[in-house]
Amino acid sequence: MPLLFRKVKELRNHLHTLRCERNASLGFVPTMGYLHEGHRALMERARLQNDITVVSIYVNPTQFGEGEDYERYPRDLERDMAVCEEAGIDVVFAPTDKEVYPPGSRTEVYVRELSEVLEGKFRPGHFKGVATVVTKLLNAVQPDRAYFGEKDYQQLKLIQRLVKDLLIPVEIVPVETVREPDGLAYSSRNVYLSPEERESALSIYRAFLLAQEMINQGERSSDTIKGEMERFILSHPHVKKIDYIEITDPDLNPKGLVDRGDRILVALWVGSSRLIDNWKVL
């Protein structure tokens, strides 16, 4: 079983001792828990590339807006510890809110521009919470490498920008999106979906395949591709609303004409659940 730490000071002391004794490299996988196969992929990559692997489990309140699912977000530390044990994780850091945000905290981290588009437009304040907590966690763990999934592509790009701008000495390692056999991207929020809603949620992946086929046949207009995707997705009965379908370059700048390597990003509501996903144009 991995060692479990709740306090930053105790975590740092332990990791410092390990690194001094072994001259070891340290990999870090930050999560909000309720671990799934996508998290396993991050952990496996971290273990392959480092001597010691740390996983954090913390549902960060500051990245949830009013009326979002902070209170009902799935939590099960005992289950997560078992997953970490199976994955060969050395250390789990599961801090309390007071440990991450000590009383009197006044400091926040904000990444301009990247925080204001796509997810940032529909979830004001979300990326300020993400940037702040990731900075805190990186400072607590002080890893050589940190691992983030491409499923949350905008988050990945924001964190890459953040560590570059703040001179944080860590390598950010992207890991490809992991999908269930039928194409649905793994997400902790998938547990909210009824069987019928889950079938409608598959419209996202199938719309990506539709878009890729259009591109393969020579279509390059972003507006045309997005229009076909929207019609297809909204034909599914449990899709309540599409927040956005956008096609961008790898740095999230909108594209009028699509090229290989561009990203198609989608956010929509299935029932009462908000799902996001993205696709790299082949």
C-alpha atoms as a PDB file:
ATOM      1  CA  MET A   1       0.000   0.000   0.000  1.00  0.00           C
ATOM      2  CA  PRO A   2       1.331   3.482  -0.816  1.00  0.00           C
ATOM      3  CA  LEU A   3       2.253   5.751   2.063  1.00  0.00           C
ATOM      4  CA  LEU A   4      -0.514   8.307   2.645  1.00  0.00           C
ATOM      5  CA  PHE A   5       0.314  11.871   3.631  1.00  0.00           C
ATOM      6  CA  ARG A   6      -2.081  14.651   4.616  1.00  0.00           C
ATOM      7  CA  LYS A   7       0.430  17.375   5.531  1.00  0.00           C
ATOM      8  CA  VAL A   8       2.751  19.205   3.138  1.00  0.00           C
ATOM      9  CA  LYS A   9       5.619  19.304   5.652  1.00  0.00           C
ATOM     10  CA  GLU A  10       5.488  15.561   6.295  1.00  0.00           C
ATOM     11  CA  LEU A  11       5.247  14.826   2.556  1.00  0.00           C
ATOM     12  CA  ARG A  12       8.229  17.031   1.752  1.00  0.00           C
ATOM     13  CA  ASN A  13      10.348  15.526   4.515  1.00  0.00           C
ATOM     14  CA  HIS A  14       9.625  11.998   3.298  1.00  0.00           C
ATOM     15  CA  LEU A  15      10.287  12.795  -0.366  1.00  0.00           C
ATOM     16  CA  HIS A  16      13.480  14.670   0.523  1.00  0.00           C
ATOM     17  CA  THR A  17      14.747  11.630   2.428  1.00  0.00           C
ATOM     18  CA  LEU A  18      13.896   9.273  -0.453  1.00  0.00           C
ATOM     19  CA  ARG A  19      15.574  11.461  -3.028  1.00  0.00           C
ATOM     20  CA  CYS A  20      18.722  11.879  -0.960  1.00  0.00           C
ATOM     21  CA  GLU A  21      18.986   8.182  -0.183  1.00  0.00           C
ATOM     22  CA  ARG A  22      18.375   6.985  -3.735  1.00  0.00           C
ATOM     23  CA  ASN A  23      19.369   9.988  -5.869  1.00  0.00           C
ATOM     24  CA  ALA A  24      15.922   9.293  -7.327  1.00  0.00           C
ATOM     25  CA  SER A  25      13.812  11.025  -9.953  1.00  0.00           C
ATOM     26  CA  LEU A  26      10.263  11.925  -8.946  1.00  0.00           C
ATOM     27  CA  GLY A  27       7.110  11.724 -11.071  1.00  0.00           C
ATOM     28  CA  PHE A  28       3.820  13.316 -10.034  1.00  0.00           C
ATOM     29  CA  VAL A  29       0.221  12.648 -11.098  1.00  0.00           C
ATOM     30  CA  PRO A  30      -2.240  15.243  -9.742  1.00  0.00           C
ATOM     31  CA  THR A  31      -5.851  13.992  -9.647  1.00  0.00           C
ATOM     32  CA  MET A  32      -9.220  14.752  -8.092  1.00  0.00           C
ATOM     33  CA  GLY A  33      -9.644  11.090  -7.230  1.00  0.00           C
ATOM     34  CA  TYR A  34     -12.233   8.515  -8.191  1.00  0.00           C
ATOM     35  CA  LEU A  35      -9.485   7.031 -10.307  1.00  0.00           C
ATOM     36  CA  HIS A  36     -10.156   5.326 -13.659  1.00  0.00           C
ATOM     37  CA  GLU A  37      -8.217   3.916 -16.619  1.00  0.00           C
ATOM     38  CA  GLY A  38      -7.223   7.374 -17.781  1.00  0.00           C
ATOM     39  CA  HIS A  39      -5.514   7.963 -14.435  1.00  0.00           C
ATOM     40  CA  ARG A  40      -3.901   4.526 -14.669  1.00  0.00           C
ATOM     41  CA  ALA A  41      -2.299   5.538 -17.961  1.00  0.00           C
ATOM     42  CA  LEU A  42      -0.830   8.620 -16.290  1.00  0.00           C
ATOM     43  CA  MET A  43       0.460   6.544 -13.394  1.00  0.00           C
ATOM     44  CA  GLU A  44       1.980   3.911 -15.665  1.00  0.00           C
ATOM     45  CA  ARG A  45       3.822   6.563 -17.669  1.00  0.00           C
ATOM     46  CA  ALA A  46       5.068   8.199 -14.473  1.00  0.00           C
ATOM     47  CA  ARG A  47       6.336   4.888 -13.101  1.00  0.00           C
ATOM     48  CA  LEU A  48       8.131   4.074 -16.346  1.00  0.00           C
ATOM     49  CA  GLN A  49       9.970   7.386 -16.400  1.00  0.00           C
ATOM     50  CA  ASN A  50      10.769   7.911 -12.704  1.00  0.00           C
ATOM     51  CA  ASP A  51      12.143   6.151  -9.636  1.00  0.00           C
ATOM     52  CA  ILE A  52       9.416   7.431  -7.288  1.00  0.00           C
ATOM     53  CA  THR A  53       5.793   8.194  -8.192  1.00  0.00           C
ATOM     54  CA  VAL A  54       3.451  10.423  -6.188  1.00  0.00           C
ATOM     55  CA  VAL A  55      -0.300  10.736  -6.803  1.00  0.00           C
ATOM     56  CA  SER A  56      -2.320  13.555  -5.266  1.00  0.00           C
ATOM     57  CA  ILE A  57      -6.023  13.127  -4.560  1.00  0.00           C
ATOM     58  CA  TYR A  58      -7.769  16.404  -3.920  1.00  0.00           C
ATOM     59  CA  VAL A  59     -11.121  17.760  -5.079  1.00  0.00           C
ATOM     60  CA  ASN A  60     -10.235  21.417  -5.430  1.00  0.00           C
ATOM     61  CA  PRO A  61     -13.147  23.676  -4.445  1.00  0.00           C
ATOM     62  CA  THR A  62     -11.812  26.803  -6.152  1.00  0.00           C
ATOM     63  CA  GLN A  63     -12.147  25.387  -9.671  1.00  0.00           C
ATOM     64  CA  PHE A  64     -15.882  24.731  -9.269  1.00  0.00           C
ATOM     65  CA  GLY A  65     -18.312  27.546  -9.978  1.00  0.00           C
ATOM     66  CA  GLU A  66     -21.628  28.286  -8.318  1.00  0.00           C
ATOM     67  CA  GLY A  67     -24.163  25.571  -9.135  1.00  0.00           C
ATOM     68  CA  GLU A  68     -21.511  23.102 -10.361  1.00  0.00           C
ATOM     69  CA  ASP A  69     -21.004  19.589  -9.014  1.00  0.00           C
ATOM     70  CA  TYR A  70     -18.446  20.132  -6.234  1.00  0.00           C
ATOM     71  CA  GLU A  71     -20.630  18.644  -3.513  1.00  0.00           C
ATOM     72  CA  ARG A  72     -21.611  15.558  -5.500  1.00  0.00           C
ATOM     73  CA  TYR A  73     -18.253  14.990  -7.207  1.00  0.00           C
ATOM     74  CA  PRO A  74     -17.453  11.293  -6.573  1.00  0.00           C
ATOM     75  CA  ARG A  75     -15.069  10.663  -3.693  1.00  0.00           C
ATOM     76  CA  ASP A  76     -13.762   7.327  -2.386  1.00  0.00           C
ATOM     77  CA  LEU A  77     -10.257   7.482  -0.896  1.00  0.00           C
ATOM     78  CA  GLU A  78     -10.205   3.816   0.142  1.00  0.00           C
ATOM     79  CA  ARG A  79     -10.996   2.750  -3.423  1.00  0.00           C
ATOM     80  CA  ASP A  80      -8.407   5.173  -4.814  1.00  0.00           C
ATOM     81  CA  MET A  81      -5.726   3.886  -2.461  1.00  0.00           C
ATOM     82  CA  ALA A  82      -6.412   0.353  -3.718  1.00  0.00           C
ATOM     83  CA  VAL A  83      -6.054   1.528  -7.331  1.00  0.00           C
ATOM     84  CA  CYS A  84      -2.769   3.231  -6.460  1.00  0.00           C
ATOM     85  CA  GLU A  85      -1.509   0.068  -4.779  1.00  0.00           C
ATOM     86  CA  GLU A  86      -2.322  -1.991  -7.898  1.00  0.00           C
ATOM     87  CA  ALA A  87      -0.508   0.616 -10.018  1.00  0.00           C
ATOM     88  CA  GLY A  88       2.621   0.444  -7.866  1.00  0.00           C
ATOM     89  CA  ILE A  89       2.420   4.034  -6.607  1.00  0.00           C
ATOM     90  CA  ASP A  90       4.848   4.924  -3.814  1.00  0.00           C
ATOM     91  CA  VAL A  91       3.151   7.910  -2.181  1.00  0.00           C
ATOM     92  CA  VAL A  92      -0.362   9.377  -2.086  1.00  0.00           C
ATOM     93  CA  PHE A  93      -0.903  12.980  -1.013  1.00  0.00           C
ATOM     94  CA  ALA A  94      -4.509  13.652   0.046  1.00  0.00           C
ATOM     95  CA  PRO A  95      -4.542  17.034   1.775  1.00  0.00           C
ATOM     96  CA  THR A  96      -7.416  18.798   3.482  1.00  0.00           C
ATOM     97  CA  ASP A  97      -8.769  22.134   2.264  1.00  0.00           C
ATOM     98  CA  LYS A  98      -7.040  23.916   5.158  1.00  0.00           C
ATOM     99  CA  GLU A  99      -3.700  22.392   4.178  1.00  0.00           C
ATOM    100  CA  VAL A 100      -4.007  23.601   0.580  1.00  0.00           C
ATOM    101  CA  TYR A 101      -5.651  26.938   1.429  1.00  0.00           C
ATOM    102  CA  PRO A 102      -4.408  27.958   4.881  1.00  0.00           C
ATOM    103  CA  PRO A 103      -6.616  30.439   6.753  1.00  0.00           C
ATOM    104  CA  GLY A 104      -5.938  33.934   5.469  1.00  0.00           C
ATOM    105  CA  SER A 105      -4.793  32.810   2.004  1.00  0.00           C
ATOM    106  CA  ARG A 106      -4.755  35.759  -0.398  1.00  0.00           C
ATOM    107  CA  THR A 107      -2.689  34.555  -3.357  1.00  0.00           C
ATOM    108  CA  GLU A 108      -4.151  33.310  -6.653  1.00  0.00           C
ATOM    109  CA  VAL A 109      -2.571  32.399  -9.981  1.00  0.00           C
ATOM    110  CA  TYR A 110      -4.168  33.551 -13.229  1.00  0.00           C
ATOM    111  CA  VAL A 111      -3.034  32.772 -16.772  1.00  0.00           C
ATOM    112  CA  ARG A 112      -4.356  35.485 -19.086  1.00  0.00           C
ATOM    113  CA  GLU A 113      -5.953  34.674 -22.456  1.00  0.00           C
ATOM    114  CA  LEU A 114      -5.883  30.880 -22.067  1.00  0.00           C
ATOM    115  CA  SER A 115      -8.189  31.234 -19.036  1.00  0.00           C
ATOM    116  CA  GLU A 116     -10.737  33.285 -20.941  1.00  0.00           C
ATOM    117  CA  VAL A 117     -11.700  31.137 -23.940  1.00  0.00           C
ATOM    118  CA  LEU A 118     -13.579  27.848 -24.437  1.00  0.00           C
ATOM    119  CA  GLU A 119     -13.915  26.371 -20.917  1.00  0.00           C
ATOM    120  CA  GLY A 120     -12.954  29.700 -19.410  1.00  0.00           C
ATOM    121  CA  LYS A 121     -15.801  31.466 -21.207  1.00  0.00           C
ATOM    122  CA  PHE A 122     -18.408  29.031 -19.885  1.00  0.00           C
ATOM    123  CA  ARG A 123     -16.850  28.484 -16.446  1.00  0.00           C
ATOM    124  CA  PRO A 124     -15.602  31.878 -15.217  1.00  0.00           C
ATOM    125  CA  GLY A 125     -12.959  31.480 -12.534  1.00  0.00           C
ATOM    126  CA  HIS A 126     -12.407  27.796 -13.286  1.00  0.00           C
ATOM    127  CA  PHE A 127      -8.889  28.135 -14.603  1.00  0.00           C
ATOM    128  CA  LYS A 128      -7.866  30.528 -11.848  1.00  0.00           C
ATOM    129  CA  GLY A 129      -8.701  27.703  -9.448  1.00  0.00           C
ATOM    130  CA  VAL A 130      -6.840  25.165 -11.589  1.00  0.00           C
ATOM    131  CA  ALA A 131      -3.744  27.327 -11.971  1.00  0.00           C
ATOM    132  CA  THR A 132      -3.639  28.136  -8.262  1.00  0.00           C
ATOM    133  CA  VAL A 133      -4.012  24.568  -7.026  1.00  0.00           C
ATOM    134  CA  VAL A 134      -1.585  23.112  -9.577  1.00  0.00           C
ATOM    135  CA  THR A 135       1.026  25.687  -8.562  1.00  0.00           C
ATOM    136  CA  LYS A 136       0.507  24.756  -4.911  1.00  0.00           C
ATOM    137  CA  LEU A 137       0.726  21.019  -5.604  1.00  0.00           C
ATOM    138  CA  LEU A 138       3.858  21.375  -7.723  1.00  0.00           C
ATOM    139  CA  ASN A 139       5.446  23.399  -4.934  1.00  0.00           C
ATOM    140  CA  ALA A 140       4.437  20.809  -2.345  1.00  0.00           C
ATOM    141  CA  VAL A 141       5.729  17.786  -4.265  1.00  0.00           C
ATOM    142  CA  GLN A 142       8.591  19.414  -6.248  1.00  0.00           C
ATOM    143  CA  PRO A 143       8.642  16.688  -8.926  1.00  0.00           C
ATOM    144  CA  ASP A 144      10.960  16.295 -11.888  1.00  0.00           C
ATOM    145  CA  ARG A 145       8.006  15.466 -14.130  1.00  0.00           C
ATOM    146  CA  ALA A 146       4.234  15.928 -13.823  1.00  0.00           C
ATOM    147  CA  TYR A 147       1.686  14.068 -15.951  1.00  0.00           C
ATOM    148  CA  PHE A 148      -1.535  15.467 -17.418  1.00  0.00           C
ATOM    149  CA  GLY A 149      -4.044  13.879 -19.785  1.00  0.00           C
ATOM    150  CA  GLU A 150      -4.797  15.332 -23.192  1.00  0.00           C
ATOM    151  CA  LYS A 151      -8.520  14.827 -22.556  1.00  0.00           C
ATOM    152  CA  ASP A 152      -8.415  18.137 -20.641  1.00  0.00           C
ATOM    153  CA  TYR A 153      -6.477  19.723 -23.477  1.00  0.00           C
ATOM    154  CA  GLN A 154      -7.019  23.361 -22.547  1.00  0.00           C
ATOM    155  CA  GLN A 155      -5.958  22.607 -18.981  1.00  0.00           C
ATOM    156  CA  LEU A 156      -2.804  20.921 -20.305  1.00  0.00           C
ATOM    157  CA  LYS A 157      -1.898  23.948 -22.436  1.00  0.00           C
ATOM    158  CA  LEU A 158      -2.581  26.311 -19.542  1.00  0.00           C
ATOM    159  CA  ILE A 159      -0.325  24.342 -17.188  1.00  0.00           C
ATOM    160  CA  GLN A 160       2.454  24.224 -19.778  1.00  0.00           C
ATOM    161  CA  ARG A 161       2.201  28.014 -20.032  1.00  0.00           C
ATOM    162  CA  LEU A 162       2.099  28.407 -16.267  1.00  0.00           C
ATOM    163  CA  VAL A 163       5.282  26.450 -15.518  1.00  0.00           C
ATOM    164  CA  LYS A 164       7.111  28.257 -18.311  1.00  0.00           C
ATOM    165  CA  ASP A 165       6.024  31.711 -17.155  1.00  0.00           C
ATOM    166  CA  LEU A 166       6.672  31.071 -13.436  1.00  0.00           C
ATOM    167  CA  LEU A 167       9.998  29.300 -14.036  1.00  0.00           C
ATOM    168  CA  ILE A 168       8.850  26.171 -12.204  1.00  0.00           C
ATOM    169  CA  PRO A 169      11.515  23.491 -12.756  1.00  0.00           C
ATOM    170  CA  VAL A 170       9.257  20.638 -13.842  1.00  0.00           C
ATOM    171  CA  GLU A 171       8.677  18.836 -17.143  1.00  0.00           C
ATOM    172  CA  ILE A 172       4.991  18.620 -18.049  1.00  0.00           C
ATOM    173  CA  VAL A 173       4.357  15.296 -19.800  1.00  0.00           C
ATOM    174  CA  PRO A 174       1.153  14.992 -21.888  1.00  0.00           C
ATOM    175  CA  VAL A 175      -0.535  11.583 -22.039  1.00  0.00           C
ATOM    176  CA  GLU A 176      -3.027  10.688 -24.773  1.00  0.00           C
ATOM    177  CA  THR A 177      -6.730  10.401 -23.977  1.00  0.00           C
ATOM    178  CA  VAL A 178      -7.789   6.920 -22.874  1.00  0.00           C
ATOM    179  CA  ARG A 179     -11.150   5.722 -24.181  1.00  0.00           C
ATOM    180  CA  GLU A 180     -13.536   2.934 -23.307  1.00  0.00           C
ATOM    181  CA  PRO A 181     -13.897   0.244 -26.000  1.00  0.00           C
ATOM    182  CA  ASP A 182     -16.809   2.096 -27.648  1.00  0.00           C
ATOM    183  CA  GLY A 183     -14.908   5.395 -27.749  1.00  0.00           C
ATOM    184  CA  LEU A 184     -16.254   7.271 -24.718  1.00  0.00           C
ATOM    185  CA  ALA A 185     -13.385   9.085 -23.015  1.00  0.00           C
ATOM    186  CA  TYR A 186     -12.821   7.950 -19.437  1.00  0.00           C
ATOM    187  CA  SER A 187     -14.009  10.554 -16.940  1.00  0.00           C
ATOM    188  CA  SER A 188     -14.933  10.466 -13.269  1.00  0.00           C
ATOM    189  CA  ARG A 189     -18.180  12.198 -14.258  1.00  0.00           C
ATOM    190  CA  ASN A 190     -19.244   9.239 -16.414  1.00  0.00           C
ATOM    191  CA  VAL A 191     -20.671   7.671 -13.233  1.00  0.00           C
ATOM    192  CA  TYR A 192     -23.443  10.287 -13.394  1.00  0.00           C
ATOM    193  CA  LEU A 193     -24.771   8.940 -16.722  1.00  0.00           C
ATOM    194  CA  SER A 194     -27.730   6.582 -16.995  1.00  0.00           C
ATOM    195  CA  PRO A 195     -27.403   3.846 -19.662  1.00  0.00           C
ATOM    196  CA  GLU A 196     -29.559   5.919 -22.027  1.00  0.00           C
ATOM    197  CA  GLU A 197     -27.543   9.081 -21.366  1.00  0.00           C
ATOM    198  CA  ARG A 198     -24.306   7.210 -21.874  1.00  0.00           C
ATOM    199  CA  GLU A 199     -25.505   6.150 -25.326  1.00  0.00           C
ATOM    200  CA  SER A 200     -26.128   9.798 -26.184  1.00  0.00           C
ATOM    201  CA  ALA A 201     -22.702  10.729 -24.782  1.00  0.00           C
ATOM    202  CA  LEU A 202     -21.141   8.495 -27.442  1.00  0.00           C
ATOM    203  CA  SER A 203     -22.258  11.112 -29.968  1.00  0.00           C
ATOM    204  CA  ILE A 204     -19.115  13.083 -29.102  1.00  0.00           C
ATOM    205  CA  TYR A 205     -16.709  10.370 -30.221  1.00  0.00           C
ATOM    206  CA  ARG A 206     -18.844   9.487 -33.232  1.00  0.00           C
ATOM    207  CA  ALA A 207     -18.937  13.154 -34.231  1.00  0.00           C
ATOM    208  CA  PHE A 208     -15.132  13.200 -34.124  1.00  0.00           C
ATOM    209  CA  LEU A 209     -15.096  10.218 -36.488  1.00  0.00           C
ATOM    210  CA  LEU A 210     -17.583  12.012 -38.751  1.00  0.00           C
ATOM    211  CA  ALA A 211     -15.385  15.123 -38.790  1.00  0.00           C
ATOM    212  CA  GLN A 212     -12.268  13.091 -39.502  1.00  0.00           C
ATOM    213  CA  GLU A 213     -14.004  11.358 -42.410  1.00  0.00           C
ATOM    214  CA  MET A 214     -15.060  14.727 -43.842  1.00  0.00           C
ATOM    215  CA  ILE A 215     -11.458  15.941 -43.586  1.00  0.00           C
ATOM    216  CA  ASN A 216     -10.179  12.737 -45.184  1.00  0.00           C
ATOM    217  CA  GLN A 217     -12.527  13.403 -48.107  1.00  0.00           C
ATOM    218  CA  GLY A 218     -11.099  16.880 -48.583  1.00  0.00           C
ATOM    219  CA  GLU A 219     -13.347  19.154 -46.491  1.00  0.00           C
ATOM    220  CA  ARG A 220     -11.268  21.878 -44.810  1.00  0.00           C
ATOM    221  CA  SER A 221     -13.859  24.465 -43.741  1.00  0.00           C
ATOM    222  CA  SER A 222     -14.108  24.594 -39.973  1.00  0.00           C
ATOM    223  CA  ASP A 223     -17.612  26.059 -40.137  1.00  0.00           C
ATOM    224  CA  THR A 224     -18.857  23.260 -42.387  1.00  0.00           C
ATOM    225  CA  ILE A 225     -17.335  20.560 -40.195  1.00  0.00           C
ATOM    226  CA  LYS A 226     -18.626  22.133 -36.973  1.00  0.00           C
ATOM    227  CA  GLY A 227     -22.101  22.472 -38.479  1.00  0.00           C
ATOM    228  CA  GLU A 228     -22.260  18.782 -39.392  1.00  0.00           C
ATOM    229  CA  MET A 229     -20.963  17.796 -35.968  1.00  0.00           C
ATOM    230  CA  GLU A 230     -23.575  19.953 -34.252  1.00  0.00           C
ATOM    231  CA  ARG A 231     -26.443  18.486 -36.287  1.00  0.00           C
ATOM    232  CA  PHE A 232     -25.256  14.959 -35.582  1.00  0.00           C
ATOM    233  CA  ILE A 233     -24.775  15.471 -31.839  1.00  0.00           C
ATOM    234  CA  LEU A 234     -28.116  17.231 -31.343  1.00  0.00           C
ATOM    235  CA  SER A 235     -29.916  14.323 -33.041  1.00  0.00           C
ATOM    236  CA  HIS A 236     -29.251  12.297 -29.855  1.00  0.00           C
ATOM    237  CA  PRO A 237     -32.153  12.534 -27.400  1.00  0.00           C
ATOM    238  CA  HIS A 238     -30.326  13.114 -24.110  1.00  0.00           C
ATOM    239  CA  VAL A 239     -27.994  15.849 -25.362  1.00  0.00           C
ATOM    240  CA  LYS A 240     -29.510  18.937 -23.750  1.00  0.00           C
ATOM    241  CA  LYS A 241     -27.138  21.650 -24.933  1.00  0.00           C
ATOM    242  CA  ILE A 242     -23.817  22.170 -26.694  1.00  0.00           C
ATOM    243  CA  ASP A 243     -21.631  24.802 -25.044  1.00  0.00           C
ATOM    244  CA  TYR A 244     -19.119  24.822 -27.878  1.00  0.00           C
ATOM    245  CA  ILE A 245     -17.633  22.980 -30.809  1.00  0.00           C
ATOM    246  CA  GLU A 246     -14.371  24.648 -31.808  1.00  0.00           C
ATOM    247  CA  ILE A 247     -11.493  23.816 -34.128  1.00  0.00           C
ATOM    248  CA  THR A 248      -8.126  25.298 -33.194  1.00  0.00           C
ATOM    249  CA  ASP A 249      -4.440  24.944 -33.859  1.00  0.00           C
ATOM    250  CA  PRO A 250      -2.384  23.079 -31.206  1.00  0.00           C
ATOM    251  CA  ASP A 251      -2.085  26.338 -29.214  1.00  0.00           C
ATOM    252  CA  LEU A 252      -5.862  26.867 -29.125  1.00  0.00           C
ATOM    253  CA  ASN A 253      -6.041  29.627 -31.740  1.00  0.00           C
ATOM    254  CA  PRO A 254      -9.272  29.251 -33.783  1.00  0.00           C
ATOM    255  CA  LYS A 255      -8.855  27.951 -37.334  1.00  0.00           C
ATOM    256  CA  GLY A 256     -10.904  28.756 -40.418  1.00  0.00           C
ATOM    257  CA  LEU A 257      -9.329  25.964 -42.450  1.00  0.00           C
ATOM    258  CA  VAL A 258      -8.438  22.648 -40.860  1.00  0.00           C
ATOM    259  CA  ASP A 259      -4.980  21.062 -41.009  1.00  0.00           C
ATOM    260  CA  ARG A 260      -3.429  17.906 -39.617  1.00  0.00           C
ATOM    261  CA  GLY A 261      -2.513  18.337 -35.965  1.00  0.00           C
ATOM    262  CA  ASP A 262      -5.354  20.772 -35.247  1.00  0.00           C
ATOM    263  CA  ARG A 263      -7.709  20.114 -32.327  1.00  0.00           C
ATOM    264  CA  ILE A 264     -11.478  19.724 -32.343  1.00  0.00           C
ATOM    265  CA  LEU A 265     -12.833  20.571 -28.886  1.00  0.00           C
ATOM    266  CA  VAL A 266     -16.347  19.889 -27.636  1.00  0.00           C
ATOM    267  CA  ALA A 267     -18.253  20.637 -24.439  1.00  0.00           C
ATOM    268  CA  LEU A 268     -21.886  19.624 -24.011  1.00  0.00           C
ATOM    269  CA  TRP A 269     -24.538  18.605 -21.532  1.00  0.00           C
ATOM    270  CA  VAL A 270     -25.940  15.086 -21.451  1.00  0.00           C
ATOM    271  CA  GLY A 271     -28.786  15.031 -18.984  1.00  0.00           C
ATOM    272  CA  SER A 272     -27.464  16.956 -15.976  1.00  0.00           C
ATOM    273  CA  SER A 273     -23.812  16.094 -16.710  1.00  0.00           C
ATOM    274  CA  ARG A 274     -21.352  18.332 -18.524  1.00  0.00           C
ATOM    275  CA  LEU A 275     -18.798  16.442 -20.611  1.00  0.00           C
ATOM    276  CA  ILE A 276     -15.728  17.643 -22.512  1.00  0.00           C
ATOM    277  CA  ASP A 277     -13.541  15.890 -25.054  1.00  0.00           C
ATOM    278  CA  ASN A 278     -11.208  16.690 -27.922  1.00  0.00           C
ATOM    279  CA  TRP A 279      -9.728  15.120 -31.036  1.00  0.00           C
ATOM    280  CA  LYS A 280      -6.392  15.565 -32.773  1.00  0.00           C
ATOM    281  CA  VAL A 281      -6.944  15.849 -36.525  1.00  0.00           C
ATOM    282  CA  LEU A 282      -5.132  13.051 -38.325  1.00  0.00           C
END
